[in-house]
Amino acid sequence: MSGTVSLHRMLKASPEKVYRAFTEAPAIASWLPPYGFLCTVHEMTVKQGGTYKMSFQNFTTGNGHSFGGKYVEIKPNEFLKYTDQFDDPNLPGEMVTSVSLRKTIAGTEIKITQEGIPDAIPVEMCYLGWQDSLDKLMRLVEPEIPDA
């Protein structure tokens, strides 16, 4: 269990808006699953020691997997650290994901590290999945759409 991915992006949105995308169930369900997957958030209590549970479904095959974890550290609009554990016994262990947000002149710098990726998941595929997710995150947070 030594797989790690590290990601870095600049988003043209405020740290507050990016943080909301990680902490509001409808928002995270819209961007976290890679293209071709659906997400259902079953539980989400965003506070230190709080837990979450969600599942991804492959839209092509209908198959899916569920996972959950605990929020380890939270600094609103700046930092999130949480664990991930798959319900599938073939994907053992616990992953730890850290998300850092920093306000810049361009918007928000986001740095994500995910450690402890199960050996059964090729790190390169995990990285590609995150690329999809971050593209969807950008498309959610960057538009400024006023109310009518």
C-alpha atoms as a PDB file:
ATOM      1  CA  MET A   1       0.000   0.000   0.000  1.00  0.00           C
ATOM      2  CA  SER A   2       2.434   2.643  -1.147  1.00  0.00           C
ATOM      3  CA  GLY A   3       0.636   4.325  -4.043  1.00  0.00           C
ATOM      4  CA  THR A   4       0.587   8.123  -3.935  1.00  0.00           C
ATOM      5  CA  VAL A   5      -0.675  10.778  -6.326  1.00  0.00           C
ATOM      6  CA  SER A   6       0.001  14.509  -6.083  1.00  0.00           C
ATOM      7  CA  LEU A   7      -1.938  17.114  -8.045  1.00  0.00           C
ATOM      8  CA  HIS A   8      -1.666  20.865  -8.448  1.00  0.00           C
ATOM      9  CA  ARG A   9      -3.986  23.327 -10.203  1.00  0.00           C
ATOM     10  CA  MET A  10      -4.860  27.004 -10.360  1.00  0.00           C
ATOM     11  CA  LEU A  11      -8.598  27.676 -10.358  1.00  0.00           C
ATOM     12  CA  LYS A  12     -10.199  31.006 -11.288  1.00  0.00           C
ATOM     13  CA  ALA A  13     -12.467  30.945  -8.215  1.00  0.00           C
ATOM     14  CA  SER A  14     -12.254  31.967  -4.584  1.00  0.00           C
ATOM     15  CA  PRO A  15     -11.007  29.524  -1.929  1.00  0.00           C
ATOM     16  CA  GLU A  16     -14.464  29.760  -0.336  1.00  0.00           C
ATOM     17  CA  LYS A  17     -16.165  28.551  -3.504  1.00  0.00           C
ATOM     18  CA  VAL A  18     -13.638  25.729  -4.026  1.00  0.00           C
ATOM     19  CA  TYR A  19     -13.997  24.671  -0.377  1.00  0.00           C
ATOM     20  CA  ARG A  20     -17.799  24.525  -0.796  1.00  0.00           C
ATOM     21  CA  ALA A  21     -17.280  22.153  -3.743  1.00  0.00           C
ATOM     22  CA  PHE A  22     -15.564  19.724  -1.337  1.00  0.00           C
ATOM     23  CA  THR A  23     -17.986  20.151   1.559  1.00  0.00           C
ATOM     24  CA  GLU A  24     -21.491  20.294   0.044  1.00  0.00           C
ATOM     25  CA  ALA A  25     -22.907  16.882  -0.901  1.00  0.00           C
ATOM     26  CA  PRO A  26     -24.611  17.864  -4.203  1.00  0.00           C
ATOM     27  CA  ALA A  27     -21.462  19.685  -5.315  1.00  0.00           C
ATOM     28  CA  ILE A  28     -18.989  16.882  -4.595  1.00  0.00           C
ATOM     29  CA  ALA A  29     -21.351  14.355  -6.192  1.00  0.00           C
ATOM     30  CA  SER A  30     -21.270  16.439  -9.388  1.00  0.00           C
ATOM     31  CA  TRP A  31     -17.499  16.652  -9.805  1.00  0.00           C
ATOM     32  CA  LEU A  32     -15.653  13.946  -7.831  1.00  0.00           C
ATOM     33  CA  PRO A  33     -16.504  10.869  -9.930  1.00  0.00           C
ATOM     34  CA  PRO A  34     -14.430  10.587 -13.115  1.00  0.00           C
ATOM     35  CA  TYR A  35     -16.223  10.915 -16.453  1.00  0.00           C
ATOM     36  CA  GLY A  36     -18.482   7.916 -17.044  1.00  0.00           C
ATOM     37  CA  PHE A  37     -19.335   7.476 -13.354  1.00  0.00           C
ATOM     38  CA  LEU A  38     -22.199   8.658 -11.172  1.00  0.00           C
ATOM     39  CA  CYS A  39     -21.857   9.458  -7.481  1.00  0.00           C
ATOM     40  CA  THR A  40     -24.336   9.103  -4.635  1.00  0.00           C
ATOM     41  CA  VAL A  41     -23.489  10.726  -1.317  1.00  0.00           C
ATOM     42  CA  HIS A  42     -25.139   8.653   1.408  1.00  0.00           C
ATOM     43  CA  GLU A  43     -23.794  10.595   4.390  1.00  0.00           C
ATOM     44  CA  MET A  44     -21.586  13.648   4.817  1.00  0.00           C
ATOM     45  CA  THR A  45     -20.844  15.305   8.152  1.00  0.00           C
ATOM     46  CA  VAL A  46     -18.070  17.791   7.454  1.00  0.00           C
ATOM     47  CA  LYS A  47     -16.418  18.448  10.813  1.00  0.00           C
ATOM     48  CA  GLN A  48     -13.297  17.154  12.493  1.00  0.00           C
ATOM     49  CA  GLY A  49     -14.092  13.544  13.396  1.00  0.00           C
ATOM     50  CA  GLY A  50     -17.160  13.602  11.131  1.00  0.00           C
ATOM     51  CA  THR A  51     -17.725  10.862   8.585  1.00  0.00           C
ATOM     52  CA  TYR A  52     -18.899  10.431   5.029  1.00  0.00           C
ATOM     53  CA  LYS A  53     -20.114   7.555   2.856  1.00  0.00           C
ATOM     54  CA  MET A  54     -20.561   7.577  -0.917  1.00  0.00           C
ATOM     55  CA  SER A  55     -20.652   5.261  -3.895  1.00  0.00           C
ATOM     56  CA  PHE A  56     -19.600   5.491  -7.529  1.00  0.00           C
ATOM     57  CA  GLN A  57     -21.477   3.681 -10.294  1.00  0.00           C
ATOM     58  CA  ASN A  58     -19.999   2.893 -13.707  1.00  0.00           C
ATOM     59  CA  PHE A  59     -22.647   4.291 -16.069  1.00  0.00           C
ATOM     60  CA  THR A  60     -21.688   1.841 -18.840  1.00  0.00           C
ATOM     61  CA  THR A  61     -21.829  -1.391 -16.842  1.00  0.00           C
ATOM     62  CA  GLY A  62     -23.980  -0.424 -13.853  1.00  0.00           C
ATOM     63  CA  ASN A  63     -21.336  -1.847 -11.499  1.00  0.00           C
ATOM     64  CA  GLY A  64     -20.085   0.239  -8.652  1.00  0.00           C
ATOM     65  CA  HIS A  65     -18.135   0.496  -5.465  1.00  0.00           C
ATOM     66  CA  SER A  66     -18.729   2.220  -2.171  1.00  0.00           C
ATOM     67  CA  PHE A  67     -16.328   3.837   0.227  1.00  0.00           C
ATOM     68  CA  GLY A  68     -16.256   6.129   3.194  1.00  0.00           C
ATOM     69  CA  GLY A  69     -14.029   7.716   5.718  1.00  0.00           C
ATOM     70  CA  LYS A  70     -13.461  10.279   8.377  1.00  0.00           C
ATOM     71  CA  TYR A  71     -12.536  13.957   8.347  1.00  0.00           C
ATOM     72  CA  VAL A  72      -9.212  14.180  10.176  1.00  0.00           C
ATOM     73  CA  GLU A  73      -8.434  17.898   9.926  1.00  0.00           C
ATOM     74  CA  ILE A  74     -10.442  20.865   8.701  1.00  0.00           C
ATOM     75  CA  LYS A  75      -9.512  24.529   8.304  1.00  0.00           C
ATOM     76  CA  PRO A  76     -12.430  26.136   6.426  1.00  0.00           C
ATOM     77  CA  ASN A  77     -11.445  27.570   3.043  1.00  0.00           C
ATOM     78  CA  GLU A  78      -7.804  26.446   3.554  1.00  0.00           C
ATOM     79  CA  PHE A  79      -7.316  22.744   4.261  1.00  0.00           C
ATOM     80  CA  LEU A  80      -9.089  19.375   4.384  1.00  0.00           C
ATOM     81  CA  LYS A  81      -7.607  16.025   5.372  1.00  0.00           C
ATOM     82  CA  TYR A  82      -9.752  12.913   5.252  1.00  0.00           C
ATOM     83  CA  THR A  83      -9.472   9.157   5.047  1.00  0.00           C
ATOM     84  CA  ASP A  84     -10.925   6.869   2.376  1.00  0.00           C
ATOM     85  CA  GLN A  85     -11.631   3.174   2.803  1.00  0.00           C
ATOM     86  CA  PHE A  86     -13.295   0.954   0.198  1.00  0.00           C
ATOM     87  CA  ASP A  87     -16.025  -1.444   1.335  1.00  0.00           C
ATOM     88  CA  ASP A  88     -14.625  -4.064  -1.079  1.00  0.00           C
ATOM     89  CA  PRO A  89     -12.280  -6.407   0.857  1.00  0.00           C
ATOM     90  CA  ASN A  90     -10.201  -6.764  -2.346  1.00  0.00           C
ATOM     91  CA  LEU A  91      -9.232  -3.090  -1.923  1.00  0.00           C
ATOM     92  CA  PRO A  92      -7.878  -3.135   1.647  1.00  0.00           C
ATOM     93  CA  GLY A  93      -6.298  -0.374   3.638  1.00  0.00           C
ATOM     94  CA  GLU A  94      -6.923   3.266   4.264  1.00  0.00           C
ATOM     95  CA  MET A  95      -6.043   6.129   1.973  1.00  0.00           C
ATOM     96  CA  VAL A  96      -5.405   9.646   3.255  1.00  0.00           C
ATOM     97  CA  THR A  97      -6.253  12.656   1.102  1.00  0.00           C
ATOM     98  CA  SER A  98      -4.997  16.168   1.876  1.00  0.00           C
ATOM     99  CA  VAL A  99      -6.382  19.229   0.080  1.00  0.00           C
ATOM    100  CA  SER A 100      -4.680  22.618   0.456  1.00  0.00           C
ATOM    101  CA  LEU A 101      -6.272  25.816  -0.826  1.00  0.00           C
ATOM    102  CA  ARG A 102      -4.373  29.109  -1.105  1.00  0.00           C
ATOM    103  CA  LYS A 103      -5.765  32.431  -2.316  1.00  0.00           C
ATOM    104  CA  THR A 104      -3.691  33.945  -5.112  1.00  0.00           C
ATOM    105  CA  ILE A 105      -3.995  36.890  -7.470  1.00  0.00           C
ATOM    106  CA  ALA A 106      -5.327  34.416 -10.075  1.00  0.00           C
ATOM    107  CA  GLY A 107      -7.879  32.752  -7.792  1.00  0.00           C
ATOM    108  CA  THR A 108      -7.087  29.609  -5.805  1.00  0.00           C
ATOM    109  CA  GLU A 109      -4.082  27.346  -5.870  1.00  0.00           C
ATOM    110  CA  ILE A 110      -5.154  23.800  -5.012  1.00  0.00           C
ATOM    111  CA  LYS A 111      -2.763  21.020  -4.036  1.00  0.00           C
ATOM    112  CA  ILE A 112      -4.041  17.478  -3.469  1.00  0.00           C
ATOM    113  CA  THR A 113      -2.108  14.484  -2.190  1.00  0.00           C
ATOM    114  CA  GLN A 114      -3.680  11.031  -1.923  1.00  0.00           C
ATOM    115  CA  GLU A 115      -1.587   8.408  -0.134  1.00  0.00           C
ATOM    116  CA  GLY A 116      -2.076   4.712   0.534  1.00  0.00           C
ATOM    117  CA  ILE A 117      -3.717   3.827  -2.797  1.00  0.00           C
ATOM    118  CA  PRO A 118      -4.394   0.049  -2.761  1.00  0.00           C
ATOM    119  CA  ASP A 119      -1.967  -2.036  -4.823  1.00  0.00           C
ATOM    120  CA  ALA A 120      -4.909  -3.331  -6.916  1.00  0.00           C
ATOM    121  CA  ILE A 121      -5.442   0.204  -8.297  1.00  0.00           C
ATOM    122  CA  PRO A 122      -2.680   1.312 -10.685  1.00  0.00           C
ATOM    123  CA  VAL A 123      -1.426   4.714  -9.538  1.00  0.00           C
ATOM    124  CA  GLU A 124      -1.524   5.947 -13.145  1.00  0.00           C
ATOM    125  CA  MET A 125      -5.258   5.133 -13.377  1.00  0.00           C
ATOM    126  CA  CYS A 126      -5.914   6.920 -10.090  1.00  0.00           C
ATOM    127  CA  TYR A 127      -4.021   9.929 -11.427  1.00  0.00           C
ATOM    128  CA  LEU A 128      -6.072   9.876 -14.648  1.00  0.00           C
ATOM    129  CA  GLY A 129      -9.284   9.690 -12.610  1.00  0.00           C
ATOM    130  CA  TRP A 130      -8.229  12.746 -10.623  1.00  0.00           C
ATOM    131  CA  GLN A 131      -7.529  14.573 -13.920  1.00  0.00           C
ATOM    132  CA  ASP A 132     -11.187  14.023 -14.903  1.00  0.00           C
ATOM    133  CA  SER A 133     -12.385  15.075 -11.464  1.00  0.00           C
ATOM    134  CA  LEU A 134     -10.334  18.267 -11.431  1.00  0.00           C
ATOM    135  CA  ASP A 135     -11.596  19.177 -14.904  1.00  0.00           C
ATOM    136  CA  LYS A 136     -15.161  18.793 -13.613  1.00  0.00           C
ATOM    137  CA  LEU A 137     -14.274  20.780 -10.459  1.00  0.00           C
ATOM    138  CA  MET A 138     -12.938  23.633 -12.614  1.00  0.00           C
ATOM    139  CA  ARG A 139     -16.135  23.617 -14.705  1.00  0.00           C
ATOM    140  CA  LEU A 140     -18.220  23.813 -11.505  1.00  0.00           C
ATOM    141  CA  VAL A 141     -16.374  26.570  -9.626  1.00  0.00           C
ATOM    142  CA  GLU A 142     -15.029  28.893 -12.316  1.00  0.00           C
ATOM    143  CA  PRO A 143     -18.247  30.164 -13.921  1.00  0.00           C
ATOM    144  CA  GLU A 144     -19.729  33.252 -12.275  1.00  0.00           C
ATOM    145  CA  ILE A 145     -23.443  32.919 -12.967  1.00  0.00           C
ATOM    146  CA  PRO A 146     -25.603  35.683 -11.507  1.00  0.00           C
ATOM    147  CA  ASP A 147     -29.153  35.081 -10.381  1.00  0.00           C
ATOM    148  CA  ALA A 148     -31.678  36.490 -12.852  1.00  0.00           C
END
